[in-house]
Amino acid sequence: MPHTTQQKEVNHTSQAFTEEQVANRWSISRKTLQAWRLNGGGPIFIKMGKSVRYLGADLTAYEEANKKASTSN
């Protein structure tokens, strides 16, 4: 029987993203993310000491919740 190598699947829903990665993903500034956290807007985040992380599942949920069919809604 030939030996096969299984590749680990990356689970993007549980992956943690930095503030910079999220800002780049959405083409927004880090200051915008910081303002959202301060004012209670934006996606759910994790705060550990001074570090802030966003889980992929939370980013996807935020994106899904903000889908629009037109600019009039």
PDB file of N, CA and C in Angstrom:
ATOM      1  N   MET A   1       0.835  -1.163   0.000  1.00  0.00           N
ATOM      2  CA  MET A   1       0.000   0.000   0.000  1.00  0.00           C
ATOM      3  C   MET A   1       0.892   1.242   0.000  1.00  0.00           C
ATOM      4  N   PRO A   2       0.658   2.175  -0.933  1.00  0.00           N
ATOM      5  CA  PRO A   2       1.507   3.373  -0.994  1.00  0.00           C
ATOM      6  C   PRO A   2       1.241   4.300   0.190  1.00  0.00           C
ATOM      7  N   HIS A   3       2.267   4.955   0.592  1.00  0.00           N
ATOM      8  CA  HIS A   3       2.170   5.900   1.705  1.00  0.00           C
ATOM      9  C   HIS A   3       1.598   7.213   1.189  1.00  0.00           C
ATOM     10  N   THR A   4       0.578   7.730   1.842  1.00  0.00           N
ATOM     11  CA  THR A   4       0.008   9.030   1.459  1.00  0.00           C
ATOM     12  C   THR A   4       0.185  10.005   2.606  1.00  0.00           C
ATOM     13  N   THR A   5       0.358  11.248   2.257  1.00  0.00           N
ATOM     14  CA  THR A   5       0.511  12.297   3.251  1.00  0.00           C
ATOM     15  C   THR A   5      -0.774  13.100   3.294  1.00  0.00           C
ATOM     16  N   GLN A   6      -1.331  13.223   4.490  1.00  0.00           N
ATOM     17  CA  GLN A   6      -2.533  14.029   4.644  1.00  0.00           C
ATOM     18  C   GLN A   6      -2.122  15.439   5.041  1.00  0.00           C
ATOM     19  N   GLN A   7      -2.684  16.409   4.337  1.00  0.00           N
ATOM     20  CA  GLN A   7      -2.407  17.796   4.682  1.00  0.00           C
ATOM     21  C   GLN A   7      -3.431  18.258   5.697  1.00  0.00           C
ATOM     22  N   LYS A   8      -2.962  19.042   6.640  1.00  0.00           N
ATOM     23  CA  LYS A   8      -3.877  19.624   7.610  1.00  0.00           C
ATOM     24  C   LYS A   8      -4.735  20.657   6.904  1.00  0.00           C
ATOM     25  N   GLU A   9      -6.025  20.599   7.159  1.00  0.00           N
ATOM     26  CA  GLU A   9      -6.911  21.626   6.635  1.00  0.00           C
ATOM     27  C   GLU A   9      -6.866  22.808   7.594  1.00  0.00           C
ATOM     28  N   VAL A  10      -6.730  23.978   7.033  1.00  0.00           N
ATOM     29  CA  VAL A  10      -6.739  25.182   7.857  1.00  0.00           C
ATOM     30  C   VAL A  10      -8.187  25.577   8.075  1.00  0.00           C
ATOM     31  N   ASN A  11      -8.581  25.650   9.317  1.00  0.00           N
ATOM     32  CA  ASN A  11      -9.935  26.034   9.659  1.00  0.00           C
ATOM     33  C   ASN A  11      -9.959  27.541   9.875  1.00  0.00           C
ATOM     34  N   HIS A  12     -10.370  28.279   8.845  1.00  0.00           N
ATOM     35  CA  HIS A  12     -10.349  29.737   8.914  1.00  0.00           C
ATOM     36  C   HIS A  12     -11.375  30.296   9.888  1.00  0.00           C
ATOM     37  N   THR A  13     -12.356  29.491  10.272  1.00  0.00           N
ATOM     38  CA  THR A  13     -13.353  29.997  11.209  1.00  0.00           C
ATOM     39  C   THR A  13     -12.790  30.107  12.619  1.00  0.00           C
ATOM     40  N   SER A  14     -11.809  29.280  12.971  1.00  0.00           N
ATOM     41  CA  SER A  14     -11.241  29.347  14.315  1.00  0.00           C
ATOM     42  C   SER A  14      -9.878  30.043  14.333  1.00  0.00           C
ATOM     43  N   GLN A  15      -9.396  30.460  13.169  1.00  0.00           N
ATOM     44  CA  GLN A  15      -8.128  31.163  13.096  1.00  0.00           C
ATOM     45  C   GLN A  15      -8.279  32.562  13.689  1.00  0.00           C
ATOM     46  N   ALA A  16      -7.277  33.012  14.413  1.00  0.00           N
ATOM     47  CA  ALA A  16      -7.305  34.351  15.008  1.00  0.00           C
ATOM     48  C   ALA A  16      -6.525  35.313  14.119  1.00  0.00           C
ATOM     49  N   PHE A  17      -7.118  36.465  13.856  1.00  0.00           N
ATOM     50  CA  PHE A  17      -6.519  37.477  13.000  1.00  0.00           C
ATOM     51  C   PHE A  17      -6.173  38.709  13.816  1.00  0.00           C
ATOM     52  N   THR A  18      -5.073  39.353  13.459  1.00  0.00           N
ATOM     53  CA  THR A  18      -4.669  40.585  14.131  1.00  0.00           C
ATOM     54  C   THR A  18      -5.480  41.762  13.599  1.00  0.00           C
ATOM     55  N   GLU A  19      -5.401  42.863  14.313  1.00  0.00           N
ATOM     56  CA  GLU A  19      -6.056  44.094  13.883  1.00  0.00           C
ATOM     57  C   GLU A  19      -5.574  44.496  12.482  1.00  0.00           C
ATOM     58  N   GLU A  20      -4.291  44.382  12.253  1.00  0.00           N
ATOM     59  CA  GLU A  20      -3.723  44.752  10.955  1.00  0.00           C
ATOM     60  C   GLU A  20      -4.246  43.852   9.839  1.00  0.00           C
ATOM     61  N   GLN A  21      -4.354  42.554  10.112  1.00  0.00           N
ATOM     62  CA  GLN A  21      -4.867  41.630   9.107  1.00  0.00           C
ATOM     63  C   GLN A  21      -6.326  41.932   8.748  1.00  0.00           C
ATOM     64  N   VAL A  22      -7.127  42.263   9.753  1.00  0.00           N
ATOM     65  CA  VAL A  22      -8.535  42.584   9.504  1.00  0.00           C
ATOM     66  C   VAL A  22      -8.639  43.895   8.733  1.00  0.00           C
ATOM     67  N   ALA A  23      -7.861  44.883   9.115  1.00  0.00           N
ATOM     68  CA  ALA A  23      -7.862  46.166   8.405  1.00  0.00           C
ATOM     69  C   ALA A  23      -7.500  45.958   6.937  1.00  0.00           C
ATOM     70  N   ASN A  24      -6.504  45.145   6.675  1.00  0.00           N
ATOM     71  CA  ASN A  24      -6.106  44.856   5.293  1.00  0.00           C
ATOM     72  C   ASN A  24      -7.188  44.079   4.557  1.00  0.00           C
ATOM     73  N   ARG A  25      -7.796  43.122   5.218  1.00  0.00           N
ATOM     74  CA  ARG A  25      -8.858  42.299   4.614  1.00  0.00           C
ATOM     75  C   ARG A  25     -10.011  43.167   4.129  1.00  0.00           C
ATOM     76  N   TRP A  26     -10.367  44.172   4.918  1.00  0.00           N
ATOM     77  CA  TRP A  26     -11.525  45.017   4.605  1.00  0.00           C
ATOM     78  C   TRP A  26     -11.137  46.364   4.005  1.00  0.00           C
ATOM     79  N   SER A  27      -9.857  46.592   3.799  1.00  0.00           N
ATOM     80  CA  SER A  27      -9.373  47.866   3.239  1.00  0.00           C
ATOM     81  C   SER A  27      -9.863  49.066   4.056  1.00  0.00           C
ATOM     82  N   ILE A  28      -9.707  48.946   5.359  1.00  0.00           N
ATOM     83  CA  ILE A  28     -10.037  50.039   6.275  1.00  0.00           C
ATOM     84  C   ILE A  28      -8.813  50.300   7.146  1.00  0.00           C
ATOM     85  N   SER A  29      -8.847  51.395   7.879  1.00  0.00           N
ATOM     86  CA  SER A  29      -7.707  51.698   8.746  1.00  0.00           C
ATOM     87  C   SER A  29      -7.832  50.969  10.082  1.00  0.00           C
ATOM     88  N   ARG A  30      -6.695  50.808  10.720  1.00  0.00           N
ATOM     89  CA  ARG A  30      -6.701  50.239  12.072  1.00  0.00           C
ATOM     90  C   ARG A  30      -7.448  51.162  13.018  1.00  0.00           C
ATOM     91  N   LYS A  31      -7.376  52.461  12.777  1.00  0.00           N
ATOM     92  CA  LYS A  31      -8.084  53.444  13.604  1.00  0.00           C
ATOM     93  C   LYS A  31      -9.592  53.214  13.549  1.00  0.00           C
ATOM     94  N   THR A  32     -10.106  52.790  12.387  1.00  0.00           N
ATOM     95  CA  THR A  32     -11.531  52.497  12.267  1.00  0.00           C
ATOM     96  C   THR A  32     -11.897  51.324  13.164  1.00  0.00           C
ATOM     97  N   LEU A  33     -11.103  50.271  13.146  1.00  0.00           N
ATOM     98  CA  LEU A  33     -11.358  49.121  14.017  1.00  0.00           C
ATOM     99  C   LEU A  33     -11.293  49.537  15.488  1.00  0.00           C
ATOM    100  N   GLN A  34     -10.318  50.367  15.821  1.00  0.00           N
ATOM    101  CA  GLN A  34     -10.183  50.831  17.202  1.00  0.00           C
ATOM    102  C   GLN A  34     -11.403  51.654  17.619  1.00  0.00           C
ATOM    103  N   ALA A  35     -11.899  52.495  16.725  1.00  0.00           N
ATOM    104  CA  ALA A  35     -13.077  53.302  17.025  1.00  0.00           C
ATOM    105  C   ALA A  35     -14.301  52.410  17.202  1.00  0.00           C
ATOM    106  N   TRP A  36     -14.441  51.397  16.350  1.00  0.00           N
ATOM    107  CA  TRP A  36     -15.562  50.461  16.484  1.00  0.00           C
ATOM    108  C   TRP A  36     -15.532  49.770  17.840  1.00  0.00           C
ATOM    109  N   ARG A  37     -14.335  49.339  18.280  1.00  0.00           N
ATOM    110  CA  ARG A  37     -14.238  48.669  19.581  1.00  0.00           C
ATOM    111  C   ARG A  37     -14.607  49.626  20.704  1.00  0.00           C
ATOM    112  N   LEU A  38     -14.142  50.853  20.621  1.00  0.00           N
ATOM    113  CA  LEU A  38     -14.419  51.858  21.648  1.00  0.00           C
ATOM    114  C   LEU A  38     -15.910  52.188  21.723  1.00  0.00           C
ATOM    115  N   ASN A  39     -16.550  52.274  20.568  1.00  0.00           N
ATOM    116  CA  ASN A  39     -17.951  52.689  20.499  1.00  0.00           C
ATOM    117  C   ASN A  39     -18.938  51.527  20.476  1.00  0.00           C
ATOM    118  N   GLY A  40     -18.442  50.294  20.560  1.00  0.00           N
ATOM    119  CA  GLY A  40     -19.329  49.134  20.593  1.00  0.00           C
ATOM    120  C   GLY A  40     -19.789  48.657  19.232  1.00  0.00           C
ATOM    121  N   GLY A  41     -19.134  49.054  18.168  1.00  0.00           N
ATOM    122  CA  GLY A  41     -19.498  48.605  16.826  1.00  0.00           C
ATOM    123  C   GLY A  41     -18.488  47.607  16.300  1.00  0.00           C
ATOM    124  N   GLY A  42     -18.687  47.172  15.081  1.00  0.00           N
ATOM    125  CA  GLY A  42     -17.744  46.258  14.453  1.00  0.00           C
ATOM    126  C   GLY A  42     -17.902  44.836  14.938  1.00  0.00           C
ATOM    127  N   PRO A  43     -17.000  43.972  14.499  1.00  0.00           N
ATOM    128  CA  PRO A  43     -17.092  42.550  14.850  1.00  0.00           C
ATOM    129  C   PRO A  43     -16.667  42.283  16.291  1.00  0.00           C
ATOM    130  N   ILE A  44     -17.106  41.157  16.806  1.00  0.00           N
ATOM    131  CA  ILE A  44     -16.692  40.700  18.135  1.00  0.00           C
ATOM    132  C   ILE A  44     -15.183  40.480  18.117  1.00  0.00           C
ATOM    133  N   PHE A  45     -14.521  40.786  19.215  1.00  0.00           N
ATOM    134  CA  PHE A  45     -13.065  40.631  19.293  1.00  0.00           C
ATOM    135  C   PHE A  45     -12.676  39.995  20.612  1.00  0.00           C
ATOM    136  N   ILE A  46     -11.430  39.562  20.666  1.00  0.00           N
ATOM    137  CA  ILE A  46     -10.855  38.976  21.879  1.00  0.00           C
ATOM    138  C   ILE A  46      -9.745  39.905  22.346  1.00  0.00           C
ATOM    139  N   LYS A  47      -9.733  40.213  23.620  1.00  0.00           N
ATOM    140  CA  LYS A  47      -8.692  41.073  24.195  1.00  0.00           C
ATOM    141  C   LYS A  47      -7.929  40.257  25.229  1.00  0.00           C
ATOM    142  N   MET A  48      -6.625  40.112  25.011  1.00  0.00           N
ATOM    143  CA  MET A  48      -5.754  39.394  25.949  1.00  0.00           C
ATOM    144  C   MET A  48      -4.600  40.329  26.282  1.00  0.00           C
ATOM    145  N   GLY A  49      -4.673  40.936  27.445  1.00  0.00           N
ATOM    146  CA  GLY A  49      -3.673  41.942  27.784  1.00  0.00           C
ATOM    147  C   GLY A  49      -3.822  43.114  26.831  1.00  0.00           C
ATOM    148  N   LYS A  50      -2.757  43.443  26.128  1.00  0.00           N
ATOM    149  CA  LYS A  50      -2.804  44.524  25.134  1.00  0.00           C
ATOM    150  C   LYS A  50      -3.109  44.012  23.737  1.00  0.00           C
ATOM    151  N   SER A  51      -3.137  42.698  23.569  1.00  0.00           N
ATOM    152  CA  SER A  51      -3.369  42.107  22.249  1.00  0.00           C
ATOM    153  C   SER A  51      -4.852  41.997  21.935  1.00  0.00           C
ATOM    154  N   VAL A  52      -5.194  42.306  20.693  1.00  0.00           N
ATOM    155  CA  VAL A  52      -6.566  42.178  20.200  1.00  0.00           C
ATOM    156  C   VAL A  52      -6.545  41.183  19.043  1.00  0.00           C
ATOM    157  N   ARG A  53      -7.491  40.253  19.054  1.00  0.00           N
ATOM    158  CA  ARG A  53      -7.608  39.269  17.982  1.00  0.00           C
ATOM    159  C   ARG A  53      -9.071  39.136  17.592  1.00  0.00           C
ATOM    160  N   TYR A  54      -9.260  38.774  16.327  1.00  0.00           N
ATOM    161  CA  TYR A  54     -10.594  38.535  15.785  1.00  0.00           C
ATOM    162  C   TYR A  54     -10.634  37.115  15.239  1.00  0.00           C
ATOM    163  N   LEU A  55     -11.636  36.338  15.648  1.00  0.00           N
ATOM    164  CA  LEU A  55     -11.774  34.983  15.124  1.00  0.00           C
ATOM    165  C   LEU A  55     -12.428  35.035  13.746  1.00  0.00           C
ATOM    166  N   GLY A  56     -11.975  34.142  12.867  1.00  0.00           N
ATOM    167  CA  GLY A  56     -12.511  34.085  11.514  1.00  0.00           C
ATOM    168  C   GLY A  56     -14.012  33.923  11.489  1.00  0.00           C
ATOM    169  N   ALA A  57     -14.558  33.110  12.383  1.00  0.00           N
ATOM    170  CA  ALA A  57     -16.009  32.896  12.434  1.00  0.00           C
ATOM    171  C   ALA A  57     -16.738  34.194  12.767  1.00  0.00           C
ATOM    172  N   ASP A  58     -16.162  35.012  13.651  1.00  0.00           N
ATOM    173  CA  ASP A  58     -16.782  36.282  14.018  1.00  0.00           C
ATOM    174  C   ASP A  58     -16.709  37.285  12.861  1.00  0.00           C
ATOM    175  N   LEU A  59     -15.609  37.260  12.116  1.00  0.00           N
ATOM    176  CA  LEU A  59     -15.487  38.140  10.951  1.00  0.00           C
ATOM    177  C   LEU A  59     -16.507  37.753   9.886  1.00  0.00           C
ATOM    178  N   THR A  60     -16.636  36.459   9.648  1.00  0.00           N
ATOM    179  CA  THR A  60     -17.605  35.970   8.659  1.00  0.00           C
ATOM    180  C   THR A  60     -19.028  36.322   9.084  1.00  0.00           C
ATOM    181  N   ALA A  61     -19.341  36.150  10.364  1.00  0.00           N
ATOM    182  CA  ALA A  61     -20.674  36.480  10.868  1.00  0.00           C
ATOM    183  C   ALA A  61     -20.960  37.970  10.685  1.00  0.00           C
ATOM    184  N   TYR A  62     -19.986  38.816  10.947  1.00  0.00           N
ATOM    185  CA  TYR A  62     -20.157  40.259  10.781  1.00  0.00           C
ATOM    186  C   TYR A  62     -20.373  40.610   9.311  1.00  0.00           C
ATOM    187  N   GLU A  63     -19.591  39.970   8.447  1.00  0.00           N
ATOM    188  CA  GLU A  63     -19.746  40.204   7.008  1.00  0.00           C
ATOM    189  C   GLU A  63     -21.137  39.771   6.536  1.00  0.00           C
ATOM    190  N   GLU A  64     -21.582  38.615   6.988  1.00  0.00           N
ATOM    191  CA  GLU A  64     -22.902  38.105   6.598  1.00  0.00           C
ATOM    192  C   GLU A  64     -24.017  39.028   7.097  1.00  0.00           C
ATOM    193  N   ALA A  65     -23.870  39.514   8.324  1.00  0.00           N
ATOM    194  CA  ALA A  65     -24.896  40.387   8.907  1.00  0.00           C
ATOM    195  C   ALA A  65     -24.959  41.746   8.205  1.00  0.00           C
ATOM    196  N   ASN A  66     -23.909  42.119   7.519  1.00  0.00           N
ATOM    197  CA  ASN A  66     -23.855  43.428   6.874  1.00  0.00           C
ATOM    198  C   ASN A  66     -23.996  43.367   5.360  1.00  0.00           C
ATOM    199  N   LYS A  67     -24.420  42.225   4.825  1.00  0.00           N
ATOM    200  CA  LYS A  67     -24.674  42.119   3.387  1.00  0.00           C
ATOM    201  C   LYS A  67     -25.886  42.975   3.037  1.00  0.00           C
ATOM    202  N   LYS A  68     -25.805  43.647   1.928  1.00  0.00           N
ATOM    203  CA  LYS A  68     -26.896  44.503   1.468  1.00  0.00           C
ATOM    204  C   LYS A  68     -27.202  44.179   0.004  1.00  0.00           C
ATOM    205  N   ALA A  69     -28.491  44.243  -0.349  1.00  0.00           N
ATOM    206  CA  ALA A  69     -28.917  44.032  -1.723  1.00  0.00           C
ATOM    207  C   ALA A  69     -28.948  45.326  -2.510  1.00  0.00           C
ATOM    208  N   SER A  70     -29.042  46.451  -1.789  1.00  0.00           N
ATOM    209  CA  SER A  70     -29.022  47.743  -2.453  1.00  0.00           C
ATOM    210  C   SER A  70     -28.503  48.792  -1.487  1.00  0.00           C
ATOM    211  N   THR A  71     -28.176  49.934  -2.018  1.00  0.00           N
ATOM    212  CA  THR A  71     -27.655  51.018  -1.160  1.00  0.00           C
ATOM    213  C   THR A  71     -28.765  51.796  -0.472  1.00  0.00           C
ATOM    214  N   SER A  72     -30.017  51.491  -0.800  1.00  0.00           N
ATOM    215  CA  SER A  72     -31.123  52.215  -0.183  1.00  0.00           C
ATOM    216  C   SER A  72     -31.571  51.610   1.156  1.00  0.00           C
ATOM    217  N   ASN A  73     -31.011  50.459   1.557  1.00  0.00           N
ATOM    218  CA  ASN A  73     -31.392  49.895   2.861  1.00  0.00           C
ATOM    219  C   ASN A  73     -30.426  50.386   3.909  1.00  0.00           C
TER     220      ASN A  73
END
